[in-house]
Amino acid sequence: MNALTLPDIAAQLPAHEQALDWVGMQGIAQPINLAGQRIKARADAGVSLDDGNARGIHMSRLYLALHALEHTALNPGTLQQLLGEFLDSHQGLSQQASITLRGEALLSRPALVSPLAGWKAYPFEVRARQDSWGFHVELQVQVAYSSTCPCSAALARQLIQQRFIEDFSGQPLDHAQLLAWLGSPQGIVATPHSQRSYATLQVRLQAQASELPLLELIDGAERALGTAVQTAVKRADEQAFALANGQNLMFCEDAARRLHSALLLEPNLSAFQLRVVHAESLHAHDAVAVSRWNWSAT
């Protein structure tokens, strides 16, 4: 009995000749090695279909090429080699290839004062593209922080001043009495509002970049903001966090400017854009600021 040849429907001619900008797969489960750890990621992988006479691409070839990411540290060189394999496996069909990887880097972060530490997740995306203009890599990461409203802080201070006048007007100031007043709810009658906030940094790497600066972006952003959200804390850490918030009062515009200045100091970036979102505790809406540098450049 003769073995039958398996049918190749994809090799049949399409009903209508039409090139396609992108064809591929989304949400592929894919382990990667980034920031010194193995990360569970999701991949979008695809190529252009420039030959309108071809019915489709060879998706299994893209899928199998992704296996190389399991054993190799993720960096621009790895991504460029991978996209080269995408195109080599589609010679005559495709001239452009791209990949997007999404995951969460789980980093151990120390407490502010005590010897405690805990794990914090940082959502990230890596996007790479090979086209007629060359090879391009972008990296995006989200950083959570606390923001205390400067206006609210000023209003709270004014209320405390008013209560001080009411409680001590015409009285001689006694040190012990004043100290007790400062430590009581009767004296500190108002506190400023703060909220959990998020900064999303998206950077485009220069052509000579050899690494994906995920840790550098996270550390630089948290230094610039001064109030990164904490993990495990003791009361001393919580007090230090309250002090950091009081010394780093921020509107969303302030946070965006701080981050913009910090990103300008990062090497091997050709462009960036950032977005900060303060999830207001006063209002039922968010406060948002966006800043870009050279982002319109190709």
Protein backbone atom coordinates (compact mmCIF):
# COMPACT_ATOMS: atom_id res chain seq x y z
CA MET A 1 0.00 0.00 0.00
CA ASN A 2 1.49 3.33 -1.08
CA ALA A 3 1.77 6.06 1.54
CA LEU A 4 -0.30 9.09 0.71
CA THR A 5 1.38 12.49 0.56
CA LEU A 6 0.05 14.78 3.25
CA PRO A 7 -1.87 17.69 1.72
CA ASP A 8 -0.30 21.16 1.88
CA ILE A 9 -3.25 23.52 1.70
CA ALA A 10 -1.07 26.54 2.48
CA ALA A 11 0.83 25.98 -0.77
CA GLN A 12 -2.29 26.49 -2.85
CA LEU A 13 -2.75 29.80 -4.65
CA PRO A 14 -4.97 32.36 -2.94
CA ALA A 15 -8.29 33.33 -4.43
CA HIS A 16 -7.14 36.95 -4.69
CA GLU A 17 -3.57 38.19 -4.96
CA GLN A 18 -2.88 40.43 -1.97
CA ALA A 19 0.24 41.09 0.11
CA LEU A 20 -0.24 41.37 3.88
CA ASP A 21 1.58 43.61 6.36
CA TRP A 22 1.86 41.08 9.18
CA VAL A 23 0.97 37.44 9.67
CA GLY A 24 1.87 35.38 12.71
CA MET A 25 0.86 34.22 16.17
CA GLN A 26 -0.02 35.99 19.41
CA GLY A 27 0.15 34.89 23.03
CA ILE A 28 2.65 32.05 22.61
CA ALA A 29 3.79 30.66 25.98
CA GLN A 30 7.55 31.09 25.99
CA PRO A 31 10.18 30.95 28.77
CA ILE A 32 12.95 33.53 28.46
CA ASN A 33 16.12 34.43 30.36
CA LEU A 34 16.26 38.10 31.34
CA ALA A 35 17.75 40.05 34.25
CA GLY A 36 19.44 36.89 35.49
CA GLN A 37 16.24 34.92 35.89
CA ARG A 38 14.02 32.56 33.97
CA ILE A 39 10.71 34.30 33.21
CA LYS A 40 7.40 32.97 31.97
CA ALA A 41 6.56 35.19 29.00
CA ARG A 42 4.08 35.48 26.15
CA ALA A 43 5.32 36.05 22.62
CA ASP A 44 3.81 37.60 19.50
CA ALA A 45 5.81 36.49 16.47
CA GLY A 46 5.22 37.25 12.83
CA VAL A 47 6.47 38.30 9.42
CA SER A 48 5.12 40.28 6.50
CA LEU A 49 3.62 38.36 3.59
CA ASP A 50 5.03 40.32 0.67
CA ASP A 51 4.34 37.69 -1.98
CA GLY A 52 0.68 38.17 -2.82
CA ASN A 53 0.69 34.91 -4.77
CA ALA A 54 1.40 32.93 -1.59
CA ARG A 55 -1.60 31.82 0.41
CA GLY A 56 0.13 31.96 3.78
CA ILE A 57 3.33 31.76 5.81
CA HIS A 58 4.91 28.82 7.65
CA MET A 59 3.84 29.53 11.23
CA SER A 60 5.39 26.35 12.59
CA ARG A 61 8.82 27.62 11.49
CA LEU A 62 8.38 30.74 13.59
CA TYR A 63 7.19 28.69 16.55
CA LEU A 64 10.16 26.31 16.39
CA ALA A 65 12.64 29.17 16.05
CA LEU A 66 11.41 30.57 19.38
CA HIS A 67 12.82 27.54 21.22
CA ALA A 68 16.27 29.15 21.10
CA LEU A 69 15.10 31.69 23.67
CA GLU A 70 14.84 28.99 26.33
CA HIS A 71 18.60 28.56 26.67
CA THR A 72 20.08 31.95 25.70
CA ALA A 73 20.14 35.22 27.63
CA LEU A 74 17.79 37.70 26.01
CA ASN A 75 19.64 40.65 24.48
CA PRO A 76 19.60 42.62 21.21
CA GLY A 77 21.97 40.15 19.56
CA THR A 78 19.75 37.21 20.44
CA LEU A 79 16.69 39.02 19.08
CA GLN A 80 18.40 40.01 15.84
CA GLN A 81 19.52 36.43 15.25
CA LEU A 82 15.99 35.18 15.92
CA LEU A 83 14.41 37.61 13.46
CA GLY A 84 17.04 36.63 10.92
CA GLU A 85 15.88 33.02 11.29
CA PHE A 86 12.28 34.14 10.80
CA LEU A 87 13.22 35.73 7.48
CA ASP A 88 15.58 32.96 6.37
CA SER A 89 12.76 30.47 6.80
CA HIS A 90 10.50 32.66 4.66
CA GLN A 91 12.80 33.59 1.81
CA GLY A 92 10.83 34.89 -1.13
CA LEU A 93 7.77 35.45 1.05
CA SER A 94 8.74 38.00 3.70
CA GLN A 95 10.97 41.05 4.06
CA GLN A 96 9.99 42.14 7.57
CA ALA A 97 9.88 40.27 10.88
CA SER A 98 8.94 41.22 14.41
CA ILE A 99 8.59 39.78 17.89
CA THR A 100 7.07 41.08 21.12
CA LEU A 101 7.72 39.44 24.50
CA ARG A 102 5.64 40.25 27.58
CA GLY A 103 6.29 39.14 31.13
CA GLU A 104 6.97 40.16 34.72
CA ALA A 105 10.42 40.44 36.23
CA LEU A 106 10.27 39.38 39.88
CA LEU A 107 12.93 41.30 41.81
CA SER A 108 13.91 41.17 45.48
CA ARG A 109 13.81 44.68 46.95
CA PRO A 110 15.17 45.64 50.39
CA ALA A 111 13.19 47.52 53.01
CA LEU A 112 14.12 51.15 53.67
CA VAL A 113 15.58 50.67 57.16
CA SER A 114 15.14 47.15 58.52
CA PRO A 115 16.93 44.05 57.17
CA LEU A 116 13.69 42.77 55.61
CA ALA A 117 13.24 42.24 51.88
CA GLY A 118 10.45 41.10 49.60
CA TRP A 119 9.60 40.36 45.98
CA LYS A 120 8.11 42.90 43.63
CA ALA A 121 6.83 42.29 40.09
CA TYR A 122 7.68 44.65 37.24
CA PRO A 123 5.63 44.15 34.06
CA PHE A 124 7.74 44.58 30.93
CA GLU A 125 7.62 44.25 27.15
CA VAL A 126 10.43 43.76 24.65
CA ARG A 127 9.72 44.57 21.00
CA ALA A 128 12.12 43.87 18.16
CA ARG A 129 11.69 44.45 14.42
CA GLN A 130 13.79 43.73 11.33
CA ASP A 131 12.77 45.65 8.20
CA SER A 132 14.20 47.59 5.27
CA TRP A 133 15.32 50.36 7.67
CA GLY A 134 17.33 47.95 9.79
CA PHE A 135 17.03 46.34 13.20
CA HIS A 136 15.15 48.07 16.04
CA VAL A 137 14.62 47.17 19.70
CA GLU A 138 12.29 48.78 22.23
CA LEU A 139 11.96 48.00 25.93
CA GLN A 140 9.04 48.96 28.16
CA VAL A 141 8.69 48.57 31.93
CA GLN A 142 6.18 49.70 34.55
CA VAL A 143 7.24 50.97 37.98
CA ALA A 144 4.83 51.51 40.89
CA TYR A 145 5.38 54.32 43.40
CA SER A 146 3.56 56.51 45.91
CA SER A 147 2.76 60.15 45.19
CA THR A 148 1.69 62.72 47.78
CA CYS A 149 -0.17 65.77 46.48
CA PRO A 150 1.69 69.08 47.13
CA CYS A 151 -1.60 71.03 47.20
CA SER A 152 -3.12 68.66 49.73
CA ALA A 153 0.03 68.89 51.87
CA ALA A 154 -0.13 72.70 51.90
CA LEU A 155 -3.83 72.67 52.83
CA ALA A 156 -3.16 70.18 55.64
CA ARG A 157 -0.34 72.35 57.01
CA GLN A 158 -2.66 75.37 57.01
CA LEU A 159 -5.27 73.50 59.04
CA ILE A 160 -2.59 72.49 61.54
CA GLN A 161 -1.50 76.13 61.80
CA GLN A 162 -5.07 77.21 62.43
CA ARG A 163 -5.53 74.61 65.16
CA PHE A 164 -2.23 75.72 66.73
CA ILE A 165 -3.49 79.31 66.88
CA GLU A 166 -6.76 78.14 68.41
CA ASP A 167 -5.08 75.96 71.04
CA PHE A 168 -2.17 78.22 72.05
CA SER A 169 -3.31 81.77 71.35
CA GLY A 170 -2.32 84.02 74.28
CA GLN A 171 -0.68 81.14 76.17
CA PRO A 172 2.98 80.76 77.06
CA LEU A 173 4.50 77.91 75.07
CA ASP A 174 5.52 74.98 77.21
CA HIS A 175 7.95 72.57 75.54
CA ALA A 176 6.42 69.39 76.95
CA GLN A 177 2.88 70.56 76.22
CA LEU A 178 3.81 71.50 72.65
CA LEU A 179 5.55 68.18 72.07
CA ALA A 180 2.47 66.30 73.28
CA TRP A 181 0.27 68.45 71.03
CA LEU A 182 2.39 67.65 67.96
CA GLY A 183 2.04 63.94 68.66
CA SER A 184 -1.73 63.96 69.12
CA PRO A 185 -4.68 63.81 66.71
CA GLN A 186 -5.84 67.05 68.35
CA GLY A 187 -2.78 68.83 66.97
CA ILE A 188 -2.21 67.12 63.62
CA VAL A 189 -5.81 67.48 62.50
CA ALA A 190 -5.19 66.89 58.76
CA THR A 191 -2.91 64.81 56.57
CA PRO A 192 -2.26 65.14 52.83
CA HIS A 193 -3.64 62.53 50.47
CA SER A 194 -1.37 60.18 48.55
CA GLN A 195 -2.02 57.44 46.04
CA ARG A 196 -0.40 54.47 44.38
CA SER A 197 0.97 55.66 41.07
CA TYR A 198 2.49 54.06 37.99
CA ALA A 199 5.21 55.09 35.57
CA THR A 200 5.46 53.32 32.21
CA LEU A 201 8.82 53.84 30.54
CA GLN A 202 9.27 52.92 26.87
CA VAL A 203 12.75 53.28 25.41
CA ARG A 204 14.27 52.66 22.00
CA LEU A 205 17.82 51.29 22.06
CA GLN A 206 20.69 52.54 19.96
CA ALA A 207 22.03 50.22 17.27
CA GLN A 208 25.20 49.42 19.26
CA ALA A 209 23.35 48.43 22.44
CA SER A 210 24.39 44.95 23.55
CA GLU A 211 22.09 44.51 26.56
CA LEU A 212 18.47 45.13 27.54
CA PRO A 213 18.77 47.66 30.42
CA LEU A 214 15.75 46.47 32.38
CA LEU A 215 17.33 46.68 35.85
CA GLU A 216 18.98 50.01 35.04
CA LEU A 217 15.66 51.54 34.00
CA ILE A 218 13.90 50.28 37.13
CA ASP A 219 16.62 51.43 39.53
CA GLY A 220 16.97 54.81 37.82
CA ALA A 221 13.24 55.45 37.94
CA GLU A 222 12.93 54.49 41.60
CA ARG A 223 15.87 56.72 42.55
CA ALA A 224 14.37 59.66 40.65
CA LEU A 225 10.96 59.26 42.28
CA GLY A 226 12.15 58.44 45.80
CA THR A 227 8.93 56.72 46.86
CA ALA A 228 8.86 53.27 45.26
CA VAL A 229 6.18 51.05 46.80
CA GLN A 230 7.53 48.68 49.43
CA THR A 231 7.24 44.96 50.13
CA ALA A 232 7.99 43.61 53.63
CA VAL A 233 8.19 46.41 56.23
CA LYS A 234 8.50 47.03 59.93
CA ARG A 235 7.27 50.19 61.66
CA ALA A 236 10.66 51.84 61.17
CA ASP A 237 10.35 51.22 57.42
CA GLU A 238 6.83 52.61 57.38
CA GLN A 239 8.02 55.73 59.17
CA ALA A 240 10.89 56.11 56.69
CA PHE A 241 8.36 55.74 53.86
CA ALA A 242 6.21 58.50 55.39
CA LEU A 243 9.30 60.71 55.55
CA ALA A 244 10.17 59.95 51.91
CA ASN A 245 6.66 60.89 50.83
CA GLY A 246 6.80 64.13 52.82
CA GLN A 247 10.10 65.07 51.19
CA ASN A 248 9.00 64.11 47.67
CA LEU A 249 5.67 65.85 47.14
CA MET A 250 4.69 65.32 43.51
CA PHE A 251 2.07 66.31 41.02
CA CYS A 252 2.03 63.98 38.01
CA GLU A 253 3.87 66.73 36.10
CA ASP A 254 6.68 66.68 38.67
CA ALA A 255 7.03 62.91 38.44
CA ALA A 256 7.14 63.04 34.63
CA ARG A 257 9.87 65.70 34.66
CA ARG A 258 11.96 63.75 37.15
CA LEU A 259 11.75 60.61 35.05
CA HIS A 260 12.49 62.50 31.84
CA SER A 261 15.70 63.89 33.36
CA ALA A 262 16.68 60.44 34.64
CA LEU A 263 16.16 58.78 31.25
CA LEU A 264 18.32 61.39 29.54
CA LEU A 265 21.22 60.08 31.65
CA GLU A 266 20.74 56.47 30.53
CA PRO A 267 23.29 55.36 27.91
CA ASN A 268 22.46 53.59 24.64
CA LEU A 269 18.99 55.11 24.23
CA SER A 270 18.01 56.74 20.94
CA ALA A 271 14.49 57.78 22.02
CA PHE A 272 11.98 57.36 24.78
CA GLN A 273 8.49 58.15 25.90
CA LEU A 274 7.05 57.92 29.40
CA ARG A 275 3.61 58.05 30.95
CA VAL A 276 2.78 58.55 34.61
CA VAL A 277 -0.62 57.84 36.12
CA HIS A 278 -1.58 59.02 39.58
CA ALA A 279 -4.64 57.00 40.62
CA GLU A 280 -6.22 59.85 42.56
CA SER A 281 -7.52 59.23 46.06
CA LEU A 282 -9.31 62.61 46.06
CA HIS A 283 -10.91 62.47 42.62
CA ALA A 284 -12.78 59.69 40.87
CA HIS A 285 -10.42 60.03 37.90
CA ASP A 286 -6.68 59.71 37.31
CA ALA A 287 -4.09 62.42 36.79
CA VAL A 288 -1.80 61.66 33.83
CA ALA A 289 1.34 63.19 32.29
CA VAL A 290 3.28 62.13 29.18
CA SER A 291 6.76 63.14 28.03
CA ARG A 292 8.77 62.16 24.96
CA TRP A 293 12.31 62.60 23.68
CA ASN A 294 13.15 61.98 20.02
CA TRP A 295 10.28 59.49 19.88
CA SER A 296 9.06 60.51 16.44
CA ALA A 297 12.40 59.49 14.92
CA THR A 298 12.47 56.20 13.00
